[in-house]
């Protein structure tokens, strides 16, 4: 989808939050400054967390309590090697009673659980616009994607004929026909 502003990025995360449950892991990747922390702020709002969410770039990890579910917000950008993430006890942070969001999760993809939601964020066609691609990893997230699409469509339905890329199309900037299937399309028949 395309977000037109930081507020829309937060609203997207708020729309996603009702589907989250303890043990879920979300991986945020993409361009520096594309809105990863803004997205986590929206998740926190959707979960009922009232504490101010800030980037954990320098502390690596923040835990937020007081919402529907506790939220762990990690940022692995400053770590140079995957082994540093392992040495920090990363696997201990994958708490099944929490929702875990890993900024720059694409840098540690092999450490992520098989079941997770990958969210890629990049700069769009204008300064305030962002391209946001949700990619389900694993059967459970594949099954939730139709509900995700409905929630997002309901939230952004006013004046947004351009919210999603046409099914099967590549995001702007990719050669036609080279991108993956649209991340919010239902899974292919062979996956059902």
N, C-alpha and C. Protein backbone atom coordinates (compact mmCIF):
# COMPACT_ATOMS: atom_id res chain seq x y z
N UNK A 1 0.84 -1.17 0.00
CA UNK A 1 0.00 0.00 0.00
C UNK A 1 0.88 1.23 0.00
N UNK A 2 0.27 2.37 -0.24
CA UNK A 2 1.00 3.63 -0.14
C UNK A 2 0.42 4.44 1.00
N UNK A 3 1.30 4.89 1.88
CA UNK A 3 0.91 5.79 2.96
C UNK A 3 1.25 7.21 2.53
N UNK A 4 0.34 8.12 2.74
CA UNK A 4 0.55 9.51 2.33
C UNK A 4 1.16 10.38 3.42
N UNK A 5 1.26 9.86 4.63
CA UNK A 5 1.75 10.68 5.75
C UNK A 5 2.12 9.79 6.93
N UNK A 6 2.89 10.33 7.89
CA UNK A 6 3.16 9.55 9.11
C UNK A 6 1.87 9.14 9.82
N UNK A 7 0.86 10.00 9.78
CA UNK A 7 -0.42 9.67 10.42
C UNK A 7 -1.05 8.44 9.77
N UNK A 8 -0.97 8.35 8.44
CA UNK A 8 -1.52 7.16 7.77
C UNK A 8 -0.71 5.92 8.10
N UNK A 9 0.60 6.07 8.25
CA UNK A 9 1.43 4.92 8.63
C UNK A 9 1.02 4.43 10.02
N UNK A 10 0.79 5.36 10.94
CA UNK A 10 0.31 4.97 12.27
C UNK A 10 -1.05 4.30 12.18
N UNK A 11 -1.95 4.86 11.36
CA UNK A 11 -3.29 4.28 11.22
C UNK A 11 -3.24 2.87 10.65
N UNK A 12 -2.32 2.62 9.73
CA UNK A 12 -2.16 1.27 9.19
C UNK A 12 -1.81 0.30 10.32
N UNK A 13 -0.88 0.70 11.18
CA UNK A 13 -0.48 -0.16 12.29
C UNK A 13 -1.62 -0.35 13.28
N UNK A 14 -2.38 0.71 13.54
CA UNK A 14 -3.55 0.59 14.41
C UNK A 14 -4.53 -0.43 13.83
N UNK A 15 -4.73 -0.38 12.50
CA UNK A 15 -5.64 -1.32 11.84
C UNK A 15 -5.16 -2.76 11.96
N UNK A 16 -3.85 -2.95 11.98
CA UNK A 16 -3.27 -4.30 12.08
C UNK A 16 -3.34 -4.84 13.51
N UNK A 17 -3.31 -3.96 14.49
CA UNK A 17 -3.16 -4.38 15.89
C UNK A 17 -4.23 -5.35 16.41
N UNK A 18 -5.51 -5.29 15.98
CA UNK A 18 -6.48 -6.26 16.50
C UNK A 18 -6.17 -7.70 16.12
N UNK A 19 -5.37 -7.91 15.08
CA UNK A 19 -5.04 -9.27 14.65
C UNK A 19 -3.84 -9.85 15.40
N UNK A 20 -3.15 -9.01 16.14
CA UNK A 20 -1.94 -9.48 16.82
C UNK A 20 -2.28 -10.24 18.08
N UNK A 21 -1.45 -11.23 18.36
CA UNK A 21 -1.64 -12.02 19.58
C UNK A 21 -0.26 -12.34 20.16
N UNK A 22 -0.22 -12.68 21.43
CA UNK A 22 1.07 -12.96 22.05
C UNK A 22 1.87 -14.00 21.26
N UNK A 23 3.15 -13.75 21.15
CA UNK A 23 4.04 -14.63 20.41
C UNK A 23 4.28 -14.17 18.99
N UNK A 24 3.48 -13.22 18.48
CA UNK A 24 3.67 -12.72 17.12
C UNK A 24 4.96 -11.93 17.01
N UNK A 25 5.63 -12.08 15.88
CA UNK A 25 6.85 -11.34 15.58
C UNK A 25 6.64 -10.59 14.27
N UNK A 26 6.95 -9.30 14.29
CA UNK A 26 6.89 -8.46 13.09
C UNK A 26 8.29 -7.98 12.80
N UNK A 27 8.71 -8.11 11.57
CA UNK A 27 10.02 -7.66 11.12
C UNK A 27 9.83 -6.43 10.25
N UNK A 28 10.45 -5.32 10.64
CA UNK A 28 10.36 -4.08 9.87
C UNK A 28 11.68 -3.85 9.16
N UNK A 29 11.62 -3.67 7.86
CA UNK A 29 12.82 -3.40 7.08
C UNK A 29 12.57 -2.29 6.09
N UNK A 30 13.61 -1.94 5.35
CA UNK A 30 13.46 -0.92 4.32
C UNK A 30 14.39 0.25 4.51
N UNK A 31 13.99 1.38 3.94
CA UNK A 31 14.84 2.57 3.92
C UNK A 31 15.00 3.20 5.30
N UNK A 32 16.16 3.76 5.55
CA UNK A 32 16.42 4.52 6.77
C UNK A 32 15.49 5.73 6.78
N UNK A 33 14.77 5.92 7.87
CA UNK A 33 13.86 7.05 7.99
C UNK A 33 12.53 6.90 7.27
N UNK A 34 12.19 5.67 6.89
CA UNK A 34 10.95 5.45 6.13
C UNK A 34 9.71 5.33 7.02
N UNK A 35 9.88 5.28 8.34
CA UNK A 35 8.72 5.27 9.22
C UNK A 35 8.56 4.03 10.07
N UNK A 36 9.64 3.29 10.29
CA UNK A 36 9.53 2.06 11.09
C UNK A 36 9.09 2.35 12.52
N UNK A 37 9.71 3.34 13.16
CA UNK A 37 9.31 3.68 14.53
C UNK A 37 7.91 4.27 14.54
N UNK A 38 7.56 5.04 13.53
CA UNK A 38 6.20 5.58 13.42
C UNK A 38 5.19 4.44 13.36
N UNK A 39 5.52 3.39 12.63
CA UNK A 39 4.65 2.21 12.55
C UNK A 39 4.48 1.58 13.94
N UNK A 40 5.58 1.43 14.68
CA UNK A 40 5.51 0.83 16.01
C UNK A 40 4.67 1.71 16.94
N UNK A 41 4.74 3.03 16.78
CA UNK A 41 3.90 3.92 17.58
C UNK A 41 2.42 3.60 17.34
N UNK A 42 2.06 3.36 16.09
CA UNK A 42 0.67 2.99 15.78
C UNK A 42 0.27 1.66 16.39
N UNK A 43 1.19 0.68 16.35
CA UNK A 43 0.90 -0.61 16.98
C UNK A 43 0.63 -0.43 18.47
N UNK A 44 1.47 0.37 19.11
CA UNK A 44 1.30 0.61 20.55
C UNK A 44 -0.06 1.25 20.84
N UNK A 45 -0.43 2.24 20.03
CA UNK A 45 -1.73 2.88 20.21
C UNK A 45 -2.84 1.85 20.06
N UNK A 46 -2.75 1.01 19.03
CA UNK A 46 -3.76 -0.01 18.80
C UNK A 46 -3.84 -1.05 19.90
N UNK A 47 -2.71 -1.28 20.57
CA UNK A 47 -2.69 -2.24 21.68
C UNK A 47 -3.10 -1.60 23.01
N UNK A 48 -3.33 -0.28 23.00
CA UNK A 48 -3.73 0.41 24.22
C UNK A 48 -2.57 0.80 25.11
N UNK A 49 -1.38 0.84 24.58
CA UNK A 49 -0.20 1.25 25.35
C UNK A 49 -0.14 2.77 25.34
N UNK A 50 -0.07 3.37 26.51
CA UNK A 50 -0.10 4.83 26.60
C UNK A 50 1.29 5.44 26.71
N UNK A 51 2.29 4.64 27.00
CA UNK A 51 3.66 5.14 27.10
C UNK A 51 4.14 5.61 25.72
N UNK A 52 4.93 6.69 25.70
CA UNK A 52 5.45 7.23 24.44
C UNK A 52 6.47 6.25 23.85
N UNK A 53 6.30 5.91 22.59
CA UNK A 53 7.19 4.98 21.90
C UNK A 53 8.25 5.78 21.14
N UNK A 54 9.51 5.45 21.41
CA UNK A 54 10.63 6.09 20.73
C UNK A 54 11.52 5.01 20.15
N UNK A 55 12.42 5.42 19.25
CA UNK A 55 13.32 4.46 18.62
C UNK A 55 14.29 3.89 19.66
N UNK A 56 14.46 2.58 19.66
CA UNK A 56 15.42 1.96 20.59
C UNK A 56 16.82 1.81 19.97
N UNK A 57 17.17 2.67 19.01
CA UNK A 57 18.45 2.53 18.30
C UNK A 57 19.65 2.44 19.21
N UNK A 58 19.66 3.23 20.28
CA UNK A 58 20.85 3.26 21.14
C UNK A 58 20.75 2.28 22.30
N UNK A 59 19.54 1.91 22.70
CA UNK A 59 19.38 0.95 23.80
C UNK A 59 19.08 -0.46 23.29
N UNK A 60 18.82 -0.59 22.01
CA UNK A 60 18.55 -1.83 21.30
C UNK A 60 17.18 -2.44 21.58
N UNK A 61 16.65 -2.26 22.78
CA UNK A 61 15.39 -2.91 23.11
C UNK A 61 14.62 -2.09 24.13
N UNK A 62 13.32 -1.98 23.90
CA UNK A 62 12.42 -1.35 24.87
C UNK A 62 11.21 -2.27 25.04
N UNK A 63 10.73 -2.34 26.26
CA UNK A 63 9.54 -3.12 26.55
C UNK A 63 8.45 -2.16 27.00
N UNK A 64 7.26 -2.34 26.42
CA UNK A 64 6.12 -1.51 26.76
C UNK A 64 5.03 -2.39 27.34
N UNK A 65 4.57 -2.02 28.53
CA UNK A 65 3.53 -2.78 29.23
C UNK A 65 2.28 -1.91 29.33
N UNK A 66 1.24 -2.47 29.85
CA UNK A 66 0.04 -1.69 30.11
C UNK A 66 -0.99 -1.72 29.02
N UNK A 67 -0.72 -2.39 27.94
CA UNK A 67 -1.70 -2.51 26.86
C UNK A 67 -2.38 -3.86 26.90
N UNK A 68 -3.11 -4.15 25.84
CA UNK A 68 -3.78 -5.45 25.73
C UNK A 68 -2.77 -6.58 25.84
N UNK A 69 -1.61 -6.40 25.18
CA UNK A 69 -0.50 -7.34 25.29
C UNK A 69 0.78 -6.51 25.44
N UNK A 70 1.77 -7.07 26.13
CA UNK A 70 3.06 -6.36 26.20
C UNK A 70 3.74 -6.36 24.84
N UNK A 71 4.53 -5.32 24.60
CA UNK A 71 5.21 -5.13 23.32
C UNK A 71 6.70 -4.98 23.55
N UNK A 72 7.49 -5.75 22.81
CA UNK A 72 8.94 -5.60 22.81
C UNK A 72 9.32 -4.97 21.47
N UNK A 73 10.06 -3.88 21.53
CA UNK A 73 10.47 -3.13 20.35
C UNK A 73 12.00 -3.19 20.29
N UNK A 74 12.53 -3.91 19.30
CA UNK A 74 13.98 -4.08 19.15
C UNK A 74 14.45 -3.32 17.92
N UNK A 75 15.70 -2.86 17.95
CA UNK A 75 16.32 -2.22 16.80
C UNK A 75 17.73 -2.78 16.68
N UNK A 76 17.99 -3.52 15.62
CA UNK A 76 19.29 -4.18 15.45
C UNK A 76 20.18 -3.45 14.45
N UNK A 77 19.81 -2.22 14.08
CA UNK A 77 20.55 -1.47 13.05
C UNK A 77 22.01 -1.27 13.41
N UNK A 78 22.31 -0.97 14.65
CA UNK A 78 23.68 -0.66 15.06
C UNK A 78 24.56 -1.90 15.26
N UNK A 79 23.98 -3.06 15.20
CA UNK A 79 24.77 -4.27 15.37
C UNK A 79 25.39 -4.65 14.03
N UNK A 80 26.65 -4.98 14.06
CA UNK A 80 27.38 -5.22 12.81
C UNK A 80 27.29 -6.67 12.32
N UNK A 81 27.10 -7.60 13.24
CA UNK A 81 27.07 -9.01 12.85
C UNK A 81 25.88 -9.69 13.51
N UNK A 82 25.38 -10.70 12.86
CA UNK A 82 24.28 -11.47 13.42
C UNK A 82 24.67 -12.10 14.76
N UNK A 83 25.93 -12.46 14.90
CA UNK A 83 26.39 -13.08 16.13
C UNK A 83 26.20 -12.13 17.32
N UNK A 84 26.30 -10.81 17.09
CA UNK A 84 26.08 -9.85 18.17
C UNK A 84 24.64 -9.94 18.67
N UNK A 85 23.72 -10.15 17.77
CA UNK A 85 22.31 -10.28 18.15
C UNK A 85 22.14 -11.55 18.99
N UNK A 86 22.77 -12.64 18.57
CA UNK A 86 22.70 -13.89 19.31
C UNK A 86 23.32 -13.72 20.69
N UNK A 87 24.47 -13.05 20.75
CA UNK A 87 25.17 -12.84 22.02
C UNK A 87 24.35 -12.02 23.00
N UNK A 88 23.49 -11.15 22.50
CA UNK A 88 22.64 -10.33 23.38
C UNK A 88 21.48 -11.14 23.96
N UNK A 89 21.34 -12.39 23.54
CA UNK A 89 20.25 -13.23 24.04
C UNK A 89 18.96 -12.99 23.29
N UNK A 90 19.08 -12.72 22.01
CA UNK A 90 17.91 -12.42 21.17
C UNK A 90 16.80 -13.44 21.34
N UNK A 91 17.15 -14.73 21.37
CA UNK A 91 16.12 -15.76 21.46
C UNK A 91 15.31 -15.65 22.75
N UNK A 92 15.92 -15.08 23.80
CA UNK A 92 15.19 -14.89 25.06
C UNK A 92 14.16 -13.78 24.95
N UNK A 93 14.38 -12.85 24.01
CA UNK A 93 13.44 -11.75 23.83
C UNK A 93 12.21 -12.16 23.04
N UNK A 94 12.26 -13.31 22.38
CA UNK A 94 11.10 -13.81 21.64
C UNK A 94 10.13 -14.46 22.62
N UNK A 95 9.63 -13.64 23.50
CA UNK A 95 8.76 -14.07 24.58
C UNK A 95 7.37 -14.40 24.04
N UNK A 96 6.88 -15.62 24.27
CA UNK A 96 5.57 -16.00 23.75
C UNK A 96 4.41 -15.23 24.39
N UNK A 97 4.66 -14.46 25.45
CA UNK A 97 3.59 -13.67 26.06
C UNK A 97 3.58 -12.23 25.53
N UNK A 98 4.54 -11.90 24.66
CA UNK A 98 4.68 -10.55 24.12
C UNK A 98 4.48 -10.54 22.61
N UNK A 99 4.22 -9.37 22.07
CA UNK A 99 4.33 -9.12 20.64
C UNK A 99 5.70 -8.50 20.46
N UNK A 100 6.47 -9.01 19.51
CA UNK A 100 7.84 -8.55 19.29
C UNK A 100 7.94 -7.90 17.92
N UNK A 101 8.48 -6.67 17.89
CA UNK A 101 8.72 -5.97 16.64
C UNK A 101 10.22 -5.73 16.54
N UNK A 102 10.81 -6.16 15.42
CA UNK A 102 12.25 -6.03 15.22
C UNK A 102 12.49 -5.06 14.06
N UNK A 103 12.97 -3.84 14.40
CA UNK A 103 13.36 -2.91 13.35
C UNK A 103 14.65 -3.42 12.73
N UNK A 104 14.72 -3.36 11.41
CA UNK A 104 15.83 -3.89 10.63
C UNK A 104 15.87 -5.41 10.74
N UNK A 105 14.71 -6.00 10.92
CA UNK A 105 14.60 -7.45 11.03
C UNK A 105 15.09 -8.17 9.79
N UNK A 106 15.06 -7.50 8.63
CA UNK A 106 15.58 -8.13 7.42
C UNK A 106 17.07 -8.41 7.52
N UNK A 107 17.77 -7.70 8.41
CA UNK A 107 19.21 -7.92 8.60
C UNK A 107 19.48 -9.20 9.39
N UNK A 108 18.48 -9.67 10.12
CA UNK A 108 18.64 -10.88 10.94
C UNK A 108 17.59 -11.93 10.57
N UNK A 109 17.18 -11.93 9.33
CA UNK A 109 16.13 -12.83 8.84
C UNK A 109 16.32 -14.29 9.29
N UNK A 110 17.54 -14.85 9.22
CA UNK A 110 17.69 -16.25 9.64
C UNK A 110 17.38 -16.49 11.12
N UNK A 111 17.40 -15.44 11.94
CA UNK A 111 17.11 -15.60 13.37
C UNK A 111 15.62 -15.48 13.68
N UNK A 112 14.87 -14.98 12.73
CA UNK A 112 13.43 -14.79 12.98
C UNK A 112 12.71 -16.13 12.94
N UNK A 113 11.62 -16.24 13.70
CA UNK A 113 10.86 -17.49 13.63
C UNK A 113 10.26 -17.68 12.25
N UNK A 114 9.99 -18.92 11.92
CA UNK A 114 9.40 -19.23 10.60
C UNK A 114 8.11 -18.46 10.40
N UNK A 115 7.29 -18.35 11.44
CA UNK A 115 6.02 -17.62 11.39
C UNK A 115 6.27 -16.17 11.83
N UNK A 116 6.22 -15.24 10.89
CA UNK A 116 6.29 -13.83 11.24
C UNK A 116 5.74 -12.99 10.09
N UNK A 117 5.52 -11.73 10.35
CA UNK A 117 5.06 -10.81 9.32
C UNK A 117 6.21 -9.87 9.00
N UNK A 118 6.63 -9.88 7.74
CA UNK A 118 7.68 -8.98 7.27
C UNK A 118 7.02 -7.74 6.67
N UNK A 119 7.47 -6.58 7.11
CA UNK A 119 6.92 -5.31 6.63
C UNK A 119 8.08 -4.50 6.07
N UNK A 120 8.03 -4.22 4.78
CA UNK A 120 9.08 -3.44 4.11
C UNK A 120 8.55 -2.04 3.85
N UNK A 121 9.34 -1.04 4.23
CA UNK A 121 8.93 0.35 4.08
C UNK A 121 9.99 1.10 3.28
N UNK A 122 9.54 1.83 2.26
CA UNK A 122 10.47 2.58 1.43
C UNK A 122 9.86 3.92 1.06
N UNK A 123 10.71 4.82 0.60
CA UNK A 123 10.24 6.14 0.19
C UNK A 123 9.36 6.01 -1.04
N UNK A 124 8.30 6.82 -1.09
CA UNK A 124 7.38 6.81 -2.21
C UNK A 124 7.71 7.90 -3.21
N UNK A 125 6.71 8.25 -4.00
CA UNK A 125 6.91 9.20 -5.09
C UNK A 125 7.01 10.65 -4.62
N UNK A 126 6.56 10.95 -3.41
CA UNK A 126 6.66 12.30 -2.84
C UNK A 126 7.30 12.19 -1.46
N UNK A 127 7.77 13.32 -0.94
CA UNK A 127 8.50 13.32 0.34
C UNK A 127 7.75 12.63 1.48
N UNK A 128 6.46 12.87 1.59
CA UNK A 128 5.71 12.32 2.72
C UNK A 128 5.12 10.94 2.44
N UNK A 129 5.27 10.44 1.23
CA UNK A 129 4.67 9.14 0.88
C UNK A 129 5.64 7.99 1.12
N UNK A 130 5.06 6.87 1.53
CA UNK A 130 5.84 5.66 1.79
C UNK A 130 5.15 4.47 1.15
N UNK A 131 5.97 3.61 0.57
CA UNK A 131 5.48 2.33 0.05
C UNK A 131 5.63 1.33 1.19
N UNK A 132 4.55 0.63 1.52
CA UNK A 132 4.57 -0.33 2.62
C UNK A 132 4.07 -1.67 2.07
N UNK A 133 4.92 -2.68 2.18
CA UNK A 133 4.59 -4.01 1.66
C UNK A 133 4.57 -5.00 2.83
N UNK A 134 3.44 -5.65 3.01
CA UNK A 134 3.30 -6.67 4.05
C UNK A 134 3.52 -8.03 3.40
N UNK A 135 4.45 -8.81 3.96
CA UNK A 135 4.75 -10.13 3.41
C UNK A 135 4.60 -11.18 4.51
N UNK A 136 3.55 -12.00 4.43
CA UNK A 136 3.36 -13.03 5.44
C UNK A 136 4.41 -14.13 5.29
N UNK A 137 4.94 -14.57 6.39
CA UNK A 137 5.89 -15.69 6.42
C UNK A 137 5.26 -16.78 7.28
N UNK A 138 4.96 -17.89 6.65
CA UNK A 138 4.38 -19.00 7.38
C UNK A 138 2.86 -19.06 7.20
N UNK A 139 2.34 -20.23 7.45
CA UNK A 139 0.93 -20.53 7.21
C UNK A 139 -0.01 -19.63 8.01
N UNK A 140 0.28 -19.41 9.30
CA UNK A 140 -0.62 -18.62 10.15
C UNK A 140 -0.79 -17.20 9.62
N UNK A 141 0.31 -16.58 9.19
CA UNK A 141 0.21 -15.23 8.66
C UNK A 141 -0.45 -15.22 7.28
N UNK A 142 -0.22 -16.24 6.48
CA UNK A 142 -0.92 -16.34 5.19
C UNK A 142 -2.43 -16.34 5.43
N UNK A 143 -2.87 -17.08 6.44
CA UNK A 143 -4.30 -17.20 6.72
C UNK A 143 -4.88 -15.87 7.21
N UNK A 144 -4.10 -15.06 7.87
CA UNK A 144 -4.59 -13.79 8.42
C UNK A 144 -4.63 -12.65 7.39
N UNK A 145 -3.99 -12.82 6.24
CA UNK A 145 -3.81 -11.71 5.32
C UNK A 145 -5.12 -11.19 4.71
N UNK A 146 -6.09 -12.04 4.47
CA UNK A 146 -7.36 -11.54 3.94
C UNK A 146 -8.03 -10.62 4.96
N UNK A 147 -7.97 -10.98 6.22
CA UNK A 147 -8.54 -10.13 7.27
C UNK A 147 -7.77 -8.82 7.36
N UNK A 148 -6.44 -8.88 7.23
CA UNK A 148 -5.62 -7.67 7.23
C UNK A 148 -6.07 -6.74 6.12
N UNK A 149 -6.26 -7.28 4.95
CA UNK A 149 -6.68 -6.46 3.80
C UNK A 149 -8.02 -5.78 4.08
N UNK A 150 -8.98 -6.51 4.62
CA UNK A 150 -10.31 -5.96 4.91
C UNK A 150 -10.19 -4.83 5.94
N UNK A 151 -9.43 -5.06 7.01
CA UNK A 151 -9.26 -4.02 8.03
C UNK A 151 -8.65 -2.75 7.44
N UNK A 152 -7.65 -2.91 6.62
CA UNK A 152 -6.98 -1.76 6.02
C UNK A 152 -7.91 -1.04 5.05
N UNK A 153 -8.64 -1.80 4.23
CA UNK A 153 -9.57 -1.18 3.29
C UNK A 153 -10.64 -0.38 4.03
N UNK A 154 -11.16 -0.92 5.14
CA UNK A 154 -12.18 -0.21 5.91
C UNK A 154 -11.62 1.08 6.48
N UNK A 155 -10.42 1.02 7.00
CA UNK A 155 -9.81 2.19 7.64
C UNK A 155 -9.51 3.29 6.63
N UNK A 156 -9.06 2.93 5.45
CA UNK A 156 -8.62 3.91 4.46
C UNK A 156 -9.60 4.08 3.30
N UNK A 157 -10.83 3.64 3.44
CA UNK A 157 -11.74 3.59 2.29
C UNK A 157 -12.10 4.97 1.73
N UNK A 158 -12.08 6.01 2.50
CA UNK A 158 -12.48 7.33 2.03
C UNK A 158 -11.42 7.91 1.11
N UNK A 159 -11.80 8.20 -0.13
CA UNK A 159 -10.92 8.85 -1.11
C UNK A 159 -9.61 8.11 -1.34
N UNK A 160 -9.62 6.79 -1.31
CA UNK A 160 -8.36 6.08 -1.51
C UNK A 160 -8.51 4.97 -2.52
N UNK A 161 -8.74 5.30 -3.76
CA UNK A 161 -8.78 4.29 -4.81
C UNK A 161 -7.39 3.75 -5.09
N UNK A 162 -6.35 4.46 -4.64
CA UNK A 162 -4.97 4.10 -4.94
C UNK A 162 -4.24 3.44 -3.78
N UNK A 163 -4.98 2.95 -2.79
CA UNK A 163 -4.35 2.43 -1.58
C UNK A 163 -3.43 1.26 -1.85
N UNK A 164 -3.89 0.29 -2.63
CA UNK A 164 -3.09 -0.91 -2.89
C UNK A 164 -2.61 -0.89 -4.33
N UNK A 165 -1.45 -1.51 -4.54
CA UNK A 165 -0.99 -1.73 -5.90
C UNK A 165 -1.95 -2.72 -6.54
N UNK A 166 -2.22 -2.62 -7.83
CA UNK A 166 -3.10 -3.61 -8.46
C UNK A 166 -2.57 -5.02 -8.21
N UNK A 167 -3.47 -5.98 -7.91
CA UNK A 167 -3.02 -7.36 -7.65
C UNK A 167 -2.12 -7.88 -8.76
N UNK A 168 -1.01 -8.46 -8.34
CA UNK A 168 -0.07 -9.05 -9.29
C UNK A 168 0.95 -8.07 -9.81
N UNK A 169 0.72 -6.76 -9.62
CA UNK A 169 1.68 -5.77 -10.10
C UNK A 169 2.84 -5.64 -9.13
N UNK A 170 3.95 -5.17 -9.65
CA UNK A 170 5.11 -4.89 -8.83
C UNK A 170 4.96 -3.50 -8.26
N UNK A 171 5.55 -3.24 -7.08
CA UNK A 171 5.55 -1.88 -6.57
C UNK A 171 6.27 -0.95 -7.53
N UNK A 172 5.95 0.36 -7.51
CA UNK A 172 6.63 1.29 -8.40
C UNK A 172 8.14 1.19 -8.25
N UNK A 173 8.84 1.33 -9.37
CA UNK A 173 10.29 1.24 -9.35
C UNK A 173 10.81 -0.15 -9.67
N UNK A 174 9.94 -1.16 -9.64
CA UNK A 174 10.35 -2.52 -9.99
C UNK A 174 9.97 -2.77 -11.44
N UNK A 175 10.78 -3.53 -12.17
CA UNK A 175 10.40 -3.87 -13.54
C UNK A 175 9.09 -4.64 -13.54
N UNK A 176 8.18 -4.37 -14.48
CA UNK A 176 6.89 -5.06 -14.52
C UNK A 176 7.06 -6.57 -14.54
N UNK A 177 6.23 -7.23 -13.73
CA UNK A 177 6.21 -8.69 -13.73
C UNK A 177 7.36 -9.34 -12.97
N UNK A 178 8.26 -8.52 -12.35
CA UNK A 178 9.39 -9.13 -11.65
C UNK A 178 9.18 -9.22 -10.16
N UNK A 179 8.19 -8.49 -9.66
CA UNK A 179 7.96 -8.48 -8.22
C UNK A 179 7.21 -9.71 -7.77
N UNK A 180 7.19 -9.94 -6.47
CA UNK A 180 6.41 -11.06 -5.94
C UNK A 180 4.93 -10.76 -6.09
N UNK A 181 4.11 -11.80 -5.92
CA UNK A 181 2.68 -11.56 -5.97
C UNK A 181 2.35 -10.55 -4.90
N UNK A 182 1.24 -9.86 -5.07
CA UNK A 182 0.86 -8.82 -4.13
C UNK A 182 0.76 -9.42 -2.74
N UNK A 183 1.39 -8.79 -1.73
CA UNK A 183 1.44 -9.39 -0.41
C UNK A 183 0.10 -9.51 0.28
N UNK A 184 -0.90 -8.77 -0.15
CA UNK A 184 -2.21 -8.87 0.49
C UNK A 184 -3.18 -9.72 -0.31
N UNK A 185 -2.72 -10.29 -1.45
CA UNK A 185 -3.57 -11.21 -2.19
C UNK A 185 -3.74 -12.50 -1.39
N UNK A 186 -4.84 -13.21 -1.59
CA UNK A 186 -4.98 -14.51 -0.93
C UNK A 186 -3.83 -15.43 -1.38
N UNK A 187 -3.45 -16.38 -0.54
CA UNK A 187 -2.35 -17.27 -0.92
C UNK A 187 -2.70 -18.08 -2.16
N UNK A 188 -1.67 -18.46 -2.92
CA UNK A 188 -1.93 -19.30 -4.10
C UNK A 188 -2.61 -20.60 -3.69
N UNK A 189 -3.36 -21.18 -4.61
CA UNK A 189 -4.14 -22.39 -4.33
C UNK A 189 -3.28 -23.51 -3.76
N UNK A 190 -2.02 -23.62 -4.23
CA UNK A 190 -1.18 -24.72 -3.75
C UNK A 190 -0.80 -24.55 -2.27
N UNK A 191 -0.99 -23.34 -1.71
CA UNK A 191 -0.64 -23.13 -0.31
C UNK A 191 -1.82 -23.42 0.61
N UNK A 192 -3.02 -23.57 0.05
CA UNK A 192 -4.20 -23.79 0.90
C UNK A 192 -4.35 -25.24 1.28
